[in-house]
Amino acid sequence: MGGVTYTALMSFRDGRWNLFVASPGLVSRWPVHGFPRGAALPTAAERSRVLNALGFVFTDGAGWGWEEDAEVPGDDTSPVRLIASTAVRQADGDGR
């Protein structure tokens, strides 16, 4: 349905997967969940449960898209950082 659309992102850094929702305001106030250090890539169901706990749901037809980036931009020998993203909205749908 309606409501404001946000981007949920998941990244792997320092041995830990983190899922967060980019929202207006300070980054320090973005909803975030850190999975246990050393955990395997969280399943789609685990990611969905975390998003729900943070107060968000997937938008209709949303799926996770994956990109890779270098830890050191422009260095093709740098370790790769995986970043996933998907469209979400607040679970109550009011867009606030």
PDB file of N, CA and C in Angstrom:
ATOM      1  N   MET A   1       0.832  -1.174   0.000  1.00  0.00           N
ATOM      2  CA  MET A   1       0.000   0.000   0.000  1.00  0.00           C
ATOM      3  C   MET A   1       0.880   1.242   0.000  1.00  0.00           C
ATOM      4  N   GLY A   2       0.316   2.369   0.453  1.00  0.00           N
ATOM      5  CA  GLY A   2       1.029   3.635   0.430  1.00  0.00           C
ATOM      6  C   GLY A   2       2.095   3.718   1.492  1.00  0.00           C
ATOM      7  N   GLY A   3       2.485   4.947   1.782  1.00  0.00           N
ATOM      8  CA  GLY A   3       3.521   5.153   2.777  1.00  0.00           C
ATOM      9  C   GLY A   3       4.847   5.477   2.133  1.00  0.00           C
ATOM     10  N   VAL A   4       5.727   5.951   2.955  1.00  0.00           N
ATOM     11  CA  VAL A   4       7.062   6.315   2.513  1.00  0.00           C
ATOM     12  C   VAL A   4       7.895   5.056   2.304  1.00  0.00           C
ATOM     13  N   THR A   5       8.681   5.034   1.257  1.00  0.00           N
ATOM     14  CA  THR A   5       9.566   3.908   0.991  1.00  0.00           C
ATOM     15  C   THR A   5      10.967   4.239   1.486  1.00  0.00           C
ATOM     16  N   TYR A   6      11.566   3.299   2.167  1.00  0.00           N
ATOM     17  CA  TYR A   6      12.932   3.421   2.677  1.00  0.00           C
ATOM     18  C   TYR A   6      13.784   2.329   2.042  1.00  0.00           C
ATOM     19  N   THR A   7      15.084   2.430   2.215  1.00  0.00           N
ATOM     20  CA  THR A   7      15.991   1.395   1.742  1.00  0.00           C
ATOM     21  C   THR A   7      16.600   0.690   2.939  1.00  0.00           C
ATOM     22  N   ALA A   8      16.399  -0.624   2.991  1.00  0.00           N
ATOM     23  CA  ALA A   8      17.059  -1.450   3.994  1.00  0.00           C
ATOM     24  C   ALA A   8      18.352  -1.956   3.357  1.00  0.00           C
ATOM     25  N   LEU A   9      19.420  -1.909   4.121  1.00  0.00           N
ATOM     26  CA  LEU A   9      20.719  -2.341   3.620  1.00  0.00           C
ATOM     27  C   LEU A   9      21.326  -3.363   4.574  1.00  0.00           C
ATOM     28  N   MET A  10      22.086  -4.270   4.025  1.00  0.00           N
ATOM     29  CA  MET A  10      22.808  -5.222   4.832  1.00  0.00           C
ATOM     30  C   MET A  10      24.235  -5.276   4.320  1.00  0.00           C
ATOM     31  N   SER A  11      25.181  -5.210   5.247  1.00  0.00           N
ATOM     32  CA  SER A  11      26.576  -5.250   4.846  1.00  0.00           C
ATOM     33  C   SER A  11      27.352  -6.145   5.800  1.00  0.00           C
ATOM     34  N   PHE A  12      28.499  -6.603   5.320  1.00  0.00           N
ATOM     35  CA  PHE A  12      29.391  -7.453   6.108  1.00  0.00           C
ATOM     36  C   PHE A  12      30.676  -6.691   6.328  1.00  0.00           C
ATOM     37  N   ARG A  13      31.009  -6.494   7.590  1.00  0.00           N
ATOM     38  CA  ARG A  13      32.230  -5.759   7.913  1.00  0.00           C
ATOM     39  C   ARG A  13      32.753  -6.236   9.256  1.00  0.00           C
ATOM     40  N   ASP A  14      34.055  -6.420   9.328  1.00  0.00           N
ATOM     41  CA  ASP A  14      34.706  -6.840  10.571  1.00  0.00           C
ATOM     42  C   ASP A  14      34.087  -8.121  11.131  1.00  0.00           C
ATOM     43  N   GLY A  15      33.769  -9.067  10.238  1.00  0.00           N
ATOM     44  CA  GLY A  15      33.269 -10.369  10.670  1.00  0.00           C
ATOM     45  C   GLY A  15      31.818 -10.403  11.114  1.00  0.00           C
ATOM     46  N   ARG A  16      31.055  -9.371  10.760  1.00  0.00           N
ATOM     47  CA  ARG A  16      29.671  -9.287  11.240  1.00  0.00           C
ATOM     48  C   ARG A  16      28.745  -8.734  10.165  1.00  0.00           C
ATOM     49  N   TRP A  17      27.570  -9.367  10.014  1.00  0.00           N
ATOM     50  CA  TRP A  17      26.518  -8.851   9.154  1.00  0.00           C
ATOM     51  C   TRP A  17      25.701  -7.836   9.942  1.00  0.00           C
ATOM     52  N   ASN A  18      25.429  -6.694   9.339  1.00  0.00           N
ATOM     53  CA  ASN A  18      24.603  -5.650   9.937  1.00  0.00           C
ATOM     54  C   ASN A  18      23.488  -5.294   8.981  1.00  0.00           C
ATOM     55  N   LEU A  19      22.287  -5.171   9.509  1.00  0.00           N
ATOM     56  CA  LEU A  19      21.135  -4.772   8.717  1.00  0.00           C
ATOM     57  C   LEU A  19      20.640  -3.454   9.287  1.00  0.00           C
ATOM     58  N   PHE A  20      20.432  -2.480   8.408  1.00  0.00           N
ATOM     59  CA  PHE A  20      19.954  -1.178   8.867  1.00  0.00           C
ATOM     60  C   PHE A  20      19.017  -0.579   7.837  1.00  0.00           C
ATOM     61  N   VAL A  21      18.210   0.376   8.300  1.00  0.00           N
ATOM     62  CA  VAL A  21      17.261   1.049   7.415  1.00  0.00           C
ATOM     63  C   VAL A  21      17.675   2.512   7.314  1.00  0.00           C
ATOM     64  N   ALA A  22      18.017   2.934   6.099  1.00  0.00           N
ATOM     65  CA  ALA A  22      18.386   4.333   5.859  1.00  0.00           C
ATOM     66  C   ALA A  22      17.134   5.180   5.961  1.00  0.00           C
ATOM     67  N   SER A  23      17.141   6.107   6.904  1.00  0.00           N
ATOM     68  CA  SER A  23      15.984   6.965   7.131  1.00  0.00           C
ATOM     69  C   SER A  23      16.419   8.409   7.297  1.00  0.00           C
ATOM     70  N   PRO A  24      15.474   9.323   7.224  1.00  0.00           N
ATOM     71  CA  PRO A  24      15.838  10.723   7.392  1.00  0.00           C
ATOM     72  C   PRO A  24      16.466  10.952   8.774  1.00  0.00           C
ATOM     73  N   GLY A  25      17.329  11.921   8.835  1.00  0.00           N
ATOM     74  CA  GLY A  25      17.939  12.264  10.118  1.00  0.00           C
ATOM     75  C   GLY A  25      19.336  11.691  10.261  1.00  0.00           C
ATOM     76  N   LEU A  26      19.815  11.730  11.473  1.00  0.00           N
ATOM     77  CA  LEU A  26      21.175  11.294  11.777  1.00  0.00           C
ATOM     78  C   LEU A  26      21.355   9.792  11.579  1.00  0.00           C
ATOM     79  N   VAL A  27      22.492   9.415  11.025  1.00  0.00           N
ATOM     80  CA  VAL A  27      22.813   7.998  10.830  1.00  0.00           C
ATOM     81  C   VAL A  27      22.766   7.265  12.164  1.00  0.00           C
ATOM     82  N   SER A  28      23.185   7.916  13.228  1.00  0.00           N
ATOM     83  CA  SER A  28      23.201   7.281  14.551  1.00  0.00           C
ATOM     84  C   SER A  28      21.794   6.900  15.036  1.00  0.00           C
ATOM     85  N   ARG A  29      20.765   7.418  14.386  1.00  0.00           N
ATOM     86  CA  ARG A  29      19.385   7.098  14.772  1.00  0.00           C
ATOM     87  C   ARG A  29      18.710   6.112  13.828  1.00  0.00           C
ATOM     88  N   TRP A  30      19.432   5.651  12.807  1.00  0.00           N
ATOM     89  CA  TRP A  30      18.855   4.673  11.893  1.00  0.00           C
ATOM     90  C   TRP A  30      18.584   3.373  12.643  1.00  0.00           C
ATOM     91  N   PRO A  31      17.456   2.715  12.357  1.00  0.00           N
ATOM     92  CA  PRO A  31      17.212   1.404  12.949  1.00  0.00           C
ATOM     93  C   PRO A  31      18.291   0.427  12.458  1.00  0.00           C
ATOM     94  N   VAL A  32      18.884  -0.337  13.376  1.00  0.00           N
ATOM     95  CA  VAL A  32      19.974  -1.248  13.015  1.00  0.00           C
ATOM     96  C   VAL A  32      19.912  -2.516  13.850  1.00  0.00           C
ATOM     97  N   HIS A  33      20.377  -3.600  13.235  1.00  0.00           N
ATOM     98  CA  HIS A  33      20.506  -4.883  13.928  1.00  0.00           C
ATOM     99  C   HIS A  33      21.825  -5.510  13.510  1.00  0.00           C
ATOM    100  N   GLY A  34      22.626  -5.880  14.478  1.00  0.00           N
ATOM    101  CA  GLY A  34      23.870  -6.591  14.210  1.00  0.00           C
ATOM    102  C   GLY A  34      23.692  -8.070  14.493  1.00  0.00           C
ATOM    103  N   PHE A  35      23.956  -8.896  13.491  1.00  0.00           N
ATOM    104  CA  PHE A  35      23.895 -10.339  13.694  1.00  0.00           C
ATOM    105  C   PHE A  35      25.153 -10.760  14.444  1.00  0.00           C
ATOM    106  N   PRO A  36      25.146 -11.913  15.106  1.00  0.00           N
ATOM    107  CA  PRO A  36      26.324 -12.336  15.866  1.00  0.00           C
ATOM    108  C   PRO A  36      27.578 -12.406  14.989  1.00  0.00           C
ATOM    109  N   ARG A  37      28.697 -11.998  15.560  1.00  0.00           N
ATOM    110  CA  ARG A  37      29.982 -12.045  14.856  1.00  0.00           C
ATOM    111  C   ARG A  37      30.261 -13.484  14.417  1.00  0.00           C
ATOM    112  N   GLY A  38      30.701 -13.635  13.176  1.00  0.00           N
ATOM    113  CA  GLY A  38      31.040 -14.952  12.639  1.00  0.00           C
ATOM    114  C   GLY A  38      29.853 -15.745  12.127  1.00  0.00           C
ATOM    115  N   ALA A  39      28.639 -15.202  12.244  1.00  0.00           N
ATOM    116  CA  ALA A  39      27.444 -15.905  11.762  1.00  0.00           C
ATOM    117  C   ALA A  39      27.464 -15.977  10.234  1.00  0.00           C
ATOM    118  N   ALA A  40      26.865 -17.038   9.715  1.00  0.00           N
ATOM    119  CA  ALA A  40      26.720 -17.179   8.262  1.00  0.00           C
ATOM    120  C   ALA A  40      25.783 -16.084   7.740  1.00  0.00           C
ATOM    121  N   LEU A  41      25.783 -15.906   6.440  1.00  0.00           N
ATOM    122  CA  LEU A  41      24.872 -14.949   5.812  1.00  0.00           C
ATOM    123  C   LEU A  41      23.450 -15.229   6.290  1.00  0.00           C
ATOM    124  N   PRO A  42      22.777 -14.252   6.902  1.00  0.00           N
ATOM    125  CA  PRO A  42      21.404 -14.465   7.362  1.00  0.00           C
ATOM    126  C   PRO A  42      20.485 -14.818   6.193  1.00  0.00           C
ATOM    127  N   THR A  43      19.592 -15.760   6.430  1.00  0.00           N
ATOM    128  CA  THR A  43      18.648 -16.173   5.392  1.00  0.00           C
ATOM    129  C   THR A  43      17.647 -15.054   5.126  1.00  0.00           C
ATOM    130  N   ALA A  44      16.924 -15.175   4.033  1.00  0.00           N
ATOM    131  CA  ALA A  44      15.894 -14.186   3.713  1.00  0.00           C
ATOM    132  C   ALA A  44      14.852 -14.129   4.832  1.00  0.00           C
ATOM    133  N   ALA A  45      14.499 -15.279   5.414  1.00  0.00           N
ATOM    134  CA  ALA A  45      13.526 -15.314   6.509  1.00  0.00           C
ATOM    135  C   ALA A  45      14.074 -14.601   7.745  1.00  0.00           C
ATOM    136  N   GLU A  46      15.340 -14.797   8.059  1.00  0.00           N
ATOM    137  CA  GLU A  46      15.952 -14.109   9.212  1.00  0.00           C
ATOM    138  C   GLU A  46      15.968 -12.600   8.988  1.00  0.00           C
ATOM    139  N   ARG A  47      16.312 -12.184   7.787  1.00  0.00           N
ATOM    140  CA  ARG A  47      16.325 -10.747   7.473  1.00  0.00           C
ATOM    141  C   ARG A  47      14.926 -10.160   7.591  1.00  0.00           C
ATOM    142  N   SER A  48      13.926 -10.897   7.125  1.00  0.00           N
ATOM    143  CA  SER A  48      12.543 -10.436   7.203  1.00  0.00           C
ATOM    144  C   SER A  48      12.113 -10.282   8.662  1.00  0.00           C
ATOM    145  N   ARG A  49      12.453 -11.261   9.505  1.00  0.00           N
ATOM    146  CA  ARG A  49      12.096 -11.181  10.932  1.00  0.00           C
ATOM    147  C   ARG A  49      12.749  -9.965  11.588  1.00  0.00           C
ATOM    148  N   VAL A  50      14.005  -9.698  11.251  1.00  0.00           N
ATOM    149  CA  VAL A  50      14.698  -8.538  11.823  1.00  0.00           C
ATOM    150  C   VAL A  50      14.032  -7.248  11.357  1.00  0.00           C
ATOM    151  N   LEU A  51      13.721  -7.150  10.072  1.00  0.00           N
ATOM    152  CA  LEU A  51      13.043  -5.951   9.573  1.00  0.00           C
ATOM    153  C   LEU A  51      11.713  -5.744  10.292  1.00  0.00           C
ATOM    154  N   ASN A  52      10.961  -6.820  10.491  1.00  0.00           N
ATOM    155  CA  ASN A  52       9.689  -6.722  11.216  1.00  0.00           C
ATOM    156  C   ASN A  52       9.918  -6.231  12.639  1.00  0.00           C
ATOM    157  N   ALA A  53      10.959  -6.756  13.304  1.00  0.00           N
ATOM    158  CA  ALA A  53      11.267  -6.328  14.674  1.00  0.00           C
ATOM    159  C   ALA A  53      11.664  -4.855  14.717  1.00  0.00           C
ATOM    160  N   LEU A  54      12.256  -4.355  13.633  1.00  0.00           N
ATOM    161  CA  LEU A  54      12.627  -2.943  13.546  1.00  0.00           C
ATOM    162  C   LEU A  54      11.442  -2.065  13.140  1.00  0.00           C
ATOM    163  N   GLY A  55      10.302  -2.707  12.818  1.00  0.00           N
ATOM    164  CA  GLY A  55       9.094  -1.953  12.473  1.00  0.00           C
ATOM    165  C   GLY A  55       8.888  -1.729  10.989  1.00  0.00           C
ATOM    166  N   PHE A  56       9.484  -2.572  10.144  1.00  0.00           N
ATOM    167  CA  PHE A  56       9.389  -2.408   8.695  1.00  0.00           C
ATOM    168  C   PHE A  56       8.942  -3.701   8.026  1.00  0.00           C
ATOM    169  N   VAL A  57       8.371  -3.548   6.842  1.00  0.00           N
ATOM    170  CA  VAL A  57       7.973  -4.682   6.002  1.00  0.00           C
ATOM    171  C   VAL A  57       8.442  -4.394   4.574  1.00  0.00           C
ATOM    172  N   PHE A  58       8.565  -5.451   3.796  1.00  0.00           N
ATOM    173  CA  PHE A  58       8.939  -5.284   2.394  1.00  0.00           C
ATOM    174  C   PHE A  58       7.834  -4.574   1.631  1.00  0.00           C
ATOM    175  N   THR A  59       8.204  -3.778   0.643  1.00  0.00           N
ATOM    176  CA  THR A  59       7.202  -3.225  -0.258  1.00  0.00           C
ATOM    177  C   THR A  59       6.782  -4.343  -1.203  1.00  0.00           C
ATOM    178  N   ASP A  60       5.649  -4.187  -1.855  1.00  0.00           N
ATOM    179  CA  ASP A  60       5.163  -5.220  -2.767  1.00  0.00           C
ATOM    180  C   ASP A  60       6.213  -5.534  -3.827  1.00  0.00           C
ATOM    181  N   GLY A  61       6.532  -6.809  -3.963  1.00  0.00           N
ATOM    182  CA  GLY A  61       7.458  -7.256  -4.995  1.00  0.00           C
ATOM    183  C   GLY A  61       8.922  -6.996  -4.714  1.00  0.00           C
ATOM    184  N   ALA A  62       9.252  -6.500  -3.529  1.00  0.00           N
ATOM    185  CA  ALA A  62      10.653  -6.182  -3.225  1.00  0.00           C
ATOM    186  C   ALA A  62      11.470  -7.460  -3.037  1.00  0.00           C
ATOM    187  N   GLY A  63      12.683  -7.423  -3.526  1.00  0.00           N
ATOM    188  CA  GLY A  63      13.644  -8.504  -3.329  1.00  0.00           C
ATOM    189  C   GLY A  63      14.999  -7.890  -3.015  1.00  0.00           C
ATOM    190  N   TRP A  64      15.902  -8.697  -2.529  1.00  0.00           N
ATOM    191  CA  TRP A  64      17.239  -8.207  -2.191  1.00  0.00           C
ATOM    192  C   TRP A  64      18.109  -8.140  -3.441  1.00  0.00           C
ATOM    193  N   GLY A  65      18.766  -7.019  -3.639  1.00  0.00           N
ATOM    194  CA  GLY A  65      19.744  -6.859  -4.708  1.00  0.00           C
ATOM    195  C   GLY A  65      21.126  -6.811  -4.064  1.00  0.00           C
ATOM    196  N   TRP A  66      22.101  -7.440  -4.698  1.00  0.00           N
ATOM    197  CA  TRP A  66      23.448  -7.524  -4.131  1.00  0.00           C
ATOM    198  C   TRP A  66      24.445  -6.785  -5.005  1.00  0.00           C
ATOM    199  N   GLU A  67      25.367  -6.082  -4.356  1.00  0.00           N
ATOM    200  CA  GLU A  67      26.465  -5.401  -5.040  1.00  0.00           C
ATOM    201  C   GLU A  67      27.740  -5.674  -4.269  1.00  0.00           C
ATOM    202  N   GLU A  68      28.851  -5.555  -4.943  1.00  0.00           N
ATOM    203  CA  GLU A  68      30.115  -5.649  -4.235  1.00  0.00           C
ATOM    204  C   GLU A  68      30.901  -4.373  -4.418  1.00  0.00           C
ATOM    205  N   ASP A  69      31.680  -4.056  -3.419  1.00  0.00           N
ATOM    206  CA  ASP A  69      32.502  -2.854  -3.417  1.00  0.00           C
ATOM    207  C   ASP A  69      33.845  -3.235  -2.809  1.00  0.00           C
ATOM    208  N   ALA A  70      34.871  -2.495  -3.118  1.00  0.00           N
ATOM    209  CA  ALA A  70      36.188  -2.759  -2.544  1.00  0.00           C
ATOM    210  C   ALA A  70      36.330  -2.016  -1.218  1.00  0.00           C
ATOM    211  N   GLU A  71      36.994  -2.646  -0.264  1.00  0.00           N
ATOM    212  CA  GLU A  71      37.298  -1.957   1.001  1.00  0.00           C
ATOM    213  C   GLU A  71      38.088  -0.686   0.714  1.00  0.00           C
ATOM    214  N   VAL A  72      39.020  -0.800  -0.236  1.00  0.00           N
ATOM    215  CA  VAL A  72      39.835   0.352  -0.638  1.00  0.00           C
ATOM    216  C   VAL A  72      39.419   0.703  -2.069  1.00  0.00           C
ATOM    217  N   PRO A  73      38.653   1.777  -2.242  1.00  0.00           N
ATOM    218  CA  PRO A  73      38.183   2.131  -3.584  1.00  0.00           C
ATOM    219  C   PRO A  73      39.327   2.250  -4.600  1.00  0.00           C
ATOM    220  N   GLY A  74      39.105   1.671  -5.776  1.00  0.00           N
ATOM    221  CA  GLY A  74      40.085   1.747  -6.853  1.00  0.00           C
ATOM    222  C   GLY A  74      41.202   0.721  -6.765  1.00  0.00           C
ATOM    223  N   ASP A  75      41.229  -0.099  -5.716  1.00  0.00           N
ATOM    224  CA  ASP A  75      42.271  -1.119  -5.541  1.00  0.00           C
ATOM    225  C   ASP A  75      41.660  -2.486  -5.808  1.00  0.00           C
ATOM    226  N   ASP A  76      41.974  -3.088  -6.974  1.00  0.00           N
ATOM    227  CA  ASP A  76      41.362  -4.369  -7.321  1.00  0.00           C
ATOM    228  C   ASP A  76      41.934  -5.544  -6.525  1.00  0.00           C
ATOM    229  N   THR A  77      42.912  -5.310  -5.661  1.00  0.00           N
ATOM    230  CA  THR A  77      43.416  -6.364  -4.777  1.00  0.00           C
ATOM    231  C   THR A  77      42.816  -6.245  -3.373  1.00  0.00           C
ATOM    232  N   SER A  78      42.006  -5.226  -3.175  1.00  0.00           N
ATOM    233  CA  SER A  78      41.382  -4.979  -1.874  1.00  0.00           C
ATOM    234  C   SER A  78      40.317  -6.038  -1.573  1.00  0.00           C
ATOM    235  N   PRO A  79      40.131  -6.381  -0.300  1.00  0.00           N
ATOM    236  CA  PRO A  79      39.025  -7.281   0.051  1.00  0.00           C
ATOM    237  C   PRO A  79      37.691  -6.703  -0.419  1.00  0.00           C
ATOM    238  N   VAL A  80      36.769  -7.593  -0.763  1.00  0.00           N
ATOM    239  CA  VAL A  80      35.465  -7.199  -1.270  1.00  0.00           C
ATOM    240  C   VAL A  80      34.490  -7.019  -0.117  1.00  0.00           C
ATOM    241  N   ARG A  81      33.671  -5.994  -0.206  1.00  0.00           N
ATOM    242  CA  ARG A  81      32.590  -5.764   0.748  1.00  0.00           C
ATOM    243  C   ARG A  81      31.279  -6.004   0.014  1.00  0.00           C
ATOM    244  N   LEU A  82      30.452  -6.926   0.526  1.00  0.00           N
ATOM    245  CA  LEU A  82      29.147  -7.197  -0.063  1.00  0.00           C
ATOM    246  C   LEU A  82      28.106  -6.309   0.593  1.00  0.00           C
ATOM    247  N   ILE A  83      27.228  -5.754  -0.232  1.00  0.00           N
ATOM    248  CA  ILE A  83      26.167  -4.881   0.258  1.00  0.00           C
ATOM    249  C   ILE A  83      24.866  -5.308  -0.421  1.00  0.00           C
ATOM    250  N   ALA A  84      23.842  -5.547   0.388  1.00  0.00           N
ATOM    251  CA  ALA A  84      22.527  -5.905  -0.137  1.00  0.00           C
ATOM    252  C   ALA A  84      21.554  -4.773   0.164  1.00  0.00           C
ATOM    253  N   SER A  85      20.548  -4.616  -0.676  1.00  0.00           N
ATOM    254  CA  SER A  85      19.536  -3.595  -0.413  1.00  0.00           C
ATOM    255  C   SER A  85      18.177  -4.067  -0.902  1.00  0.00           C
ATOM    256  N   THR A  86      17.147  -3.508  -0.284  1.00  0.00           N
ATOM    257  CA  THR A  86      15.772  -3.804  -0.665  1.00  0.00           C
ATOM    258  C   THR A  86      14.885  -2.638  -0.232  1.00  0.00           C
ATOM    259  N   ALA A  87      13.736  -2.520  -0.843  1.00  0.00           N
ATOM    260  CA  ALA A  87      12.783  -1.457  -0.501  1.00  0.00           C
ATOM    261  C   ALA A  87      11.864  -1.943   0.619  1.00  0.00           C
ATOM    262  N   VAL A  88      11.671  -1.075   1.617  1.00  0.00           N
ATOM    263  CA  VAL A  88      10.789  -1.390   2.743  1.00  0.00           C
ATOM    264  C   VAL A  88       9.915  -0.181   3.055  1.00  0.00           C
ATOM    265  N   ARG A  89       8.913  -0.409   3.869  1.00  0.00           N
ATOM    266  CA  ARG A  89       8.076   0.675   4.382  1.00  0.00           C
ATOM    267  C   ARG A  89       7.800   0.376   5.845  1.00  0.00           C
ATOM    268  N   GLN A  90       7.360   1.389   6.573  1.00  0.00           N
ATOM    269  CA  GLN A  90       7.028   1.163   7.966  1.00  0.00           C
ATOM    270  C   GLN A  90       5.865   0.196   8.051  1.00  0.00           C
ATOM    271  N   ALA A  91       5.907  -0.672   9.041  1.00  0.00           N
ATOM    272  CA  ALA A  91       4.879  -1.719   9.170  1.00  0.00           C
ATOM    273  C   ALA A  91       3.489  -1.122   9.358  1.00  0.00           C
ATOM    274  N   ASP A  92       3.381   0.024  10.011  1.00  0.00           N
ATOM    275  CA  ASP A  92       2.062   0.611  10.207  1.00  0.00           C
ATOM    276  C   ASP A  92       1.552   1.322   8.964  1.00  0.00           C
ATOM    277  N   GLY A  93       2.448   1.533   7.983  1.00  0.00           N
ATOM    278  CA  GLY A  93       2.060   2.067   6.688  1.00  0.00           C
ATOM    279  C   GLY A  93       1.746   3.538   6.654  1.00  0.00           C
ATOM    280  N   ASP A  94       1.957   4.244   7.779  1.00  0.00           N
ATOM    281  CA  ASP A  94       1.567   5.658   7.764  1.00  0.00           C
ATOM    282  C   ASP A  94       2.652   6.591   7.246  1.00  0.00           C
ATOM    283  N   GLY A  95       3.875   6.046   7.055  1.00  0.00           N
ATOM    284  CA  GLY A  95       4.928   6.861   6.459  1.00  0.00           C
ATOM    285  C   GLY A  95       5.570   7.858   7.404  1.00  0.00           C
ATOM    286  N   ARG A  96       5.253   7.818   8.683  1.00  0.00           N
ATOM    287  CA  ARG A  96       5.877   8.723   9.647  1.00  0.00           C
ATOM    288  C   ARG A  96       7.199   8.216  10.122  1.00  0.00           C
TER     289      ARG A  96
END
